[in-house]
């Protein structure tokens, strides 16, 4: 009779909820940032063009830093 090996399982801490805030680094596209901020894409483009939202251009693509988005979420109480 062959014995089956029992793999010990470890108990880890339960996952900490992120309350809907993605843990991302780098830059978000305008559609993703607009959805994250609950704004329309045209409104976000307008705020970027006015300099009210920091952004970076990569060719024709406009990106918003995730660090800024996380700061805004923390100010609104989403990530507390």
C-alpha atoms as a PDB file:
ATOM      1  CA  UNK A   1       0.000   0.000   0.000  1.00  0.00           C
ATOM      2  CA  UNK A   2       1.383   3.370  -1.044  1.00  0.00           C
ATOM      3  CA  UNK A   3       1.304   6.291   1.332  1.00  0.00           C
ATOM      4  CA  UNK A   4       0.195   9.636   0.036  1.00  0.00           C
ATOM      5  CA  UNK A   5       2.268  12.589   1.009  1.00  0.00           C
ATOM      6  CA  UNK A   6       0.414  15.231   2.914  1.00  0.00           C
ATOM      7  CA  UNK A   7       1.460  18.741   2.078  1.00  0.00           C
ATOM      8  CA  UNK A   8       1.223  20.980   5.116  1.00  0.00           C
ATOM      9  CA  UNK A   9      -0.849  24.049   4.592  1.00  0.00           C
ATOM     10  CA  UNK A  10      -0.021  27.360   6.142  1.00  0.00           C
ATOM     11  CA  UNK A  11      -2.542  29.808   7.417  1.00  0.00           C
ATOM     12  CA  UNK A  12      -1.930  33.302   6.168  1.00  0.00           C
ATOM     13  CA  UNK A  13      -3.470  36.576   7.148  1.00  0.00           C
ATOM     14  CA  UNK A  14      -6.695  37.389   5.360  1.00  0.00           C
ATOM     15  CA  UNK A  15      -6.292  39.744   2.424  1.00  0.00           C
ATOM     16  CA  UNK A  16      -6.670  43.404   3.236  1.00  0.00           C
ATOM     17  CA  UNK A  17      -9.451  44.985   1.205  1.00  0.00           C
ATOM     18  CA  UNK A  18      -8.259  47.730  -1.094  1.00  0.00           C
ATOM     19  CA  UNK A  19     -11.651  49.461  -1.090  1.00  0.00           C
ATOM     20  CA  UNK A  20     -11.753  49.676  -4.878  1.00  0.00           C
ATOM     21  CA  UNK A  21      -8.417  51.467  -5.273  1.00  0.00           C
ATOM     22  CA  UNK A  22      -6.105  49.602  -7.633  1.00  0.00           C
ATOM     23  CA  UNK A  23      -2.551  49.249  -6.375  1.00  0.00           C
ATOM     24  CA  UNK A  24      -0.806  50.339  -9.539  1.00  0.00           C
ATOM     25  CA  UNK A  25       2.274  52.295 -10.401  1.00  0.00           C
ATOM     26  CA  UNK A  26       3.114  54.285 -13.487  1.00  0.00           C
ATOM     27  CA  UNK A  27       0.476  55.995 -15.572  1.00  0.00           C
ATOM     28  CA  UNK A  28      -3.193  55.427 -16.387  1.00  0.00           C
ATOM     29  CA  UNK A  29      -4.805  56.107 -19.735  1.00  0.00           C
ATOM     30  CA  UNK A  30      -7.467  58.791 -19.947  1.00  0.00           C
ATOM     31  CA  UNK A  31     -10.387  56.322 -20.144  1.00  0.00           C
ATOM     32  CA  UNK A  32      -9.092  54.413 -17.106  1.00  0.00           C
ATOM     33  CA  UNK A  33      -8.389  57.604 -15.129  1.00  0.00           C
ATOM     34  CA  UNK A  34     -11.795  59.016 -16.052  1.00  0.00           C
ATOM     35  CA  UNK A  35     -13.533  55.871 -14.813  1.00  0.00           C
ATOM     36  CA  UNK A  36     -11.420  55.916 -11.635  1.00  0.00           C
ATOM     37  CA  UNK A  37     -12.353  59.569 -10.937  1.00  0.00           C
ATOM     38  CA  UNK A  38     -15.949  59.059 -12.086  1.00  0.00           C
ATOM     39  CA  UNK A  39     -15.592  61.777 -14.736  1.00  0.00           C
ATOM     40  CA  UNK A  40     -16.328  61.774 -18.439  1.00  0.00           C
ATOM     41  CA  UNK A  41     -13.399  61.438 -20.832  1.00  0.00           C
ATOM     42  CA  UNK A  42     -14.009  64.887 -22.399  1.00  0.00           C
ATOM     43  CA  UNK A  43     -14.026  66.498 -18.940  1.00  0.00           C
ATOM     44  CA  UNK A  44     -10.775  64.775 -18.012  1.00  0.00           C
ATOM     45  CA  UNK A  45      -9.143  65.879 -21.289  1.00  0.00           C
ATOM     46  CA  UNK A  46     -10.292  69.446 -20.536  1.00  0.00           C
ATOM     47  CA  UNK A  47      -8.832  69.357 -17.003  1.00  0.00           C
ATOM     48  CA  UNK A  48      -5.553  67.978 -18.356  1.00  0.00           C
ATOM     49  CA  UNK A  49      -5.419  70.673 -21.052  1.00  0.00           C
ATOM     50  CA  UNK A  50      -6.023  73.388 -18.418  1.00  0.00           C
ATOM     51  CA  UNK A  51      -3.204  71.994 -16.284  1.00  0.00           C
ATOM     52  CA  UNK A  52      -5.489  71.108 -13.373  1.00  0.00           C
ATOM     53  CA  UNK A  53      -4.528  67.429 -13.599  1.00  0.00           C
ATOM     54  CA  UNK A  54      -0.894  66.386 -14.046  1.00  0.00           C
ATOM     55  CA  UNK A  55      -0.225  64.354 -17.148  1.00  0.00           C
ATOM     56  CA  UNK A  56       2.456  63.087 -19.454  1.00  0.00           C
ATOM     57  CA  UNK A  57       2.319  62.636 -23.191  1.00  0.00           C
ATOM     58  CA  UNK A  58       3.739  59.587 -24.900  1.00  0.00           C
ATOM     59  CA  UNK A  59       3.453  60.421 -28.571  1.00  0.00           C
ATOM     60  CA  UNK A  60      -0.245  61.057 -29.094  1.00  0.00           C
ATOM     61  CA  UNK A  61      -1.218  59.266 -25.907  1.00  0.00           C
ATOM     62  CA  UNK A  62      -1.965  61.214 -22.719  1.00  0.00           C
ATOM     63  CA  UNK A  63      -1.427  59.508 -19.354  1.00  0.00           C
ATOM     64  CA  UNK A  64      -2.215  60.475 -15.760  1.00  0.00           C
ATOM     65  CA  UNK A  65       0.104  59.336 -12.934  1.00  0.00           C
ATOM     66  CA  UNK A  66      -1.368  56.653 -10.683  1.00  0.00           C
ATOM     67  CA  UNK A  67       0.348  58.327  -7.737  1.00  0.00           C
ATOM     68  CA  UNK A  68      -1.786  61.443  -8.303  1.00  0.00           C
ATOM     69  CA  UNK A  69      -4.932  59.324  -8.697  1.00  0.00           C
ATOM     70  CA  UNK A  70      -4.170  57.532  -5.408  1.00  0.00           C
ATOM     71  CA  UNK A  71      -3.651  60.893  -3.674  1.00  0.00           C
ATOM     72  CA  UNK A  72      -7.029  62.083  -4.937  1.00  0.00           C
ATOM     73  CA  UNK A  73      -8.698  58.880  -3.759  1.00  0.00           C
ATOM     74  CA  UNK A  74      -7.107  59.304  -0.316  1.00  0.00           C
ATOM     75  CA  UNK A  75      -8.350  62.911  -0.123  1.00  0.00           C
ATOM     76  CA  UNK A  76     -11.897  61.749  -0.918  1.00  0.00           C
ATOM     77  CA  UNK A  77     -11.739  59.076   1.764  1.00  0.00           C
ATOM     78  CA  UNK A  78     -11.837  56.142  -0.661  1.00  0.00           C
ATOM     79  CA  UNK A  79      -8.513  54.612   0.369  1.00  0.00           C
ATOM     80  CA  UNK A  80      -8.721  55.048   4.129  1.00  0.00           C
END
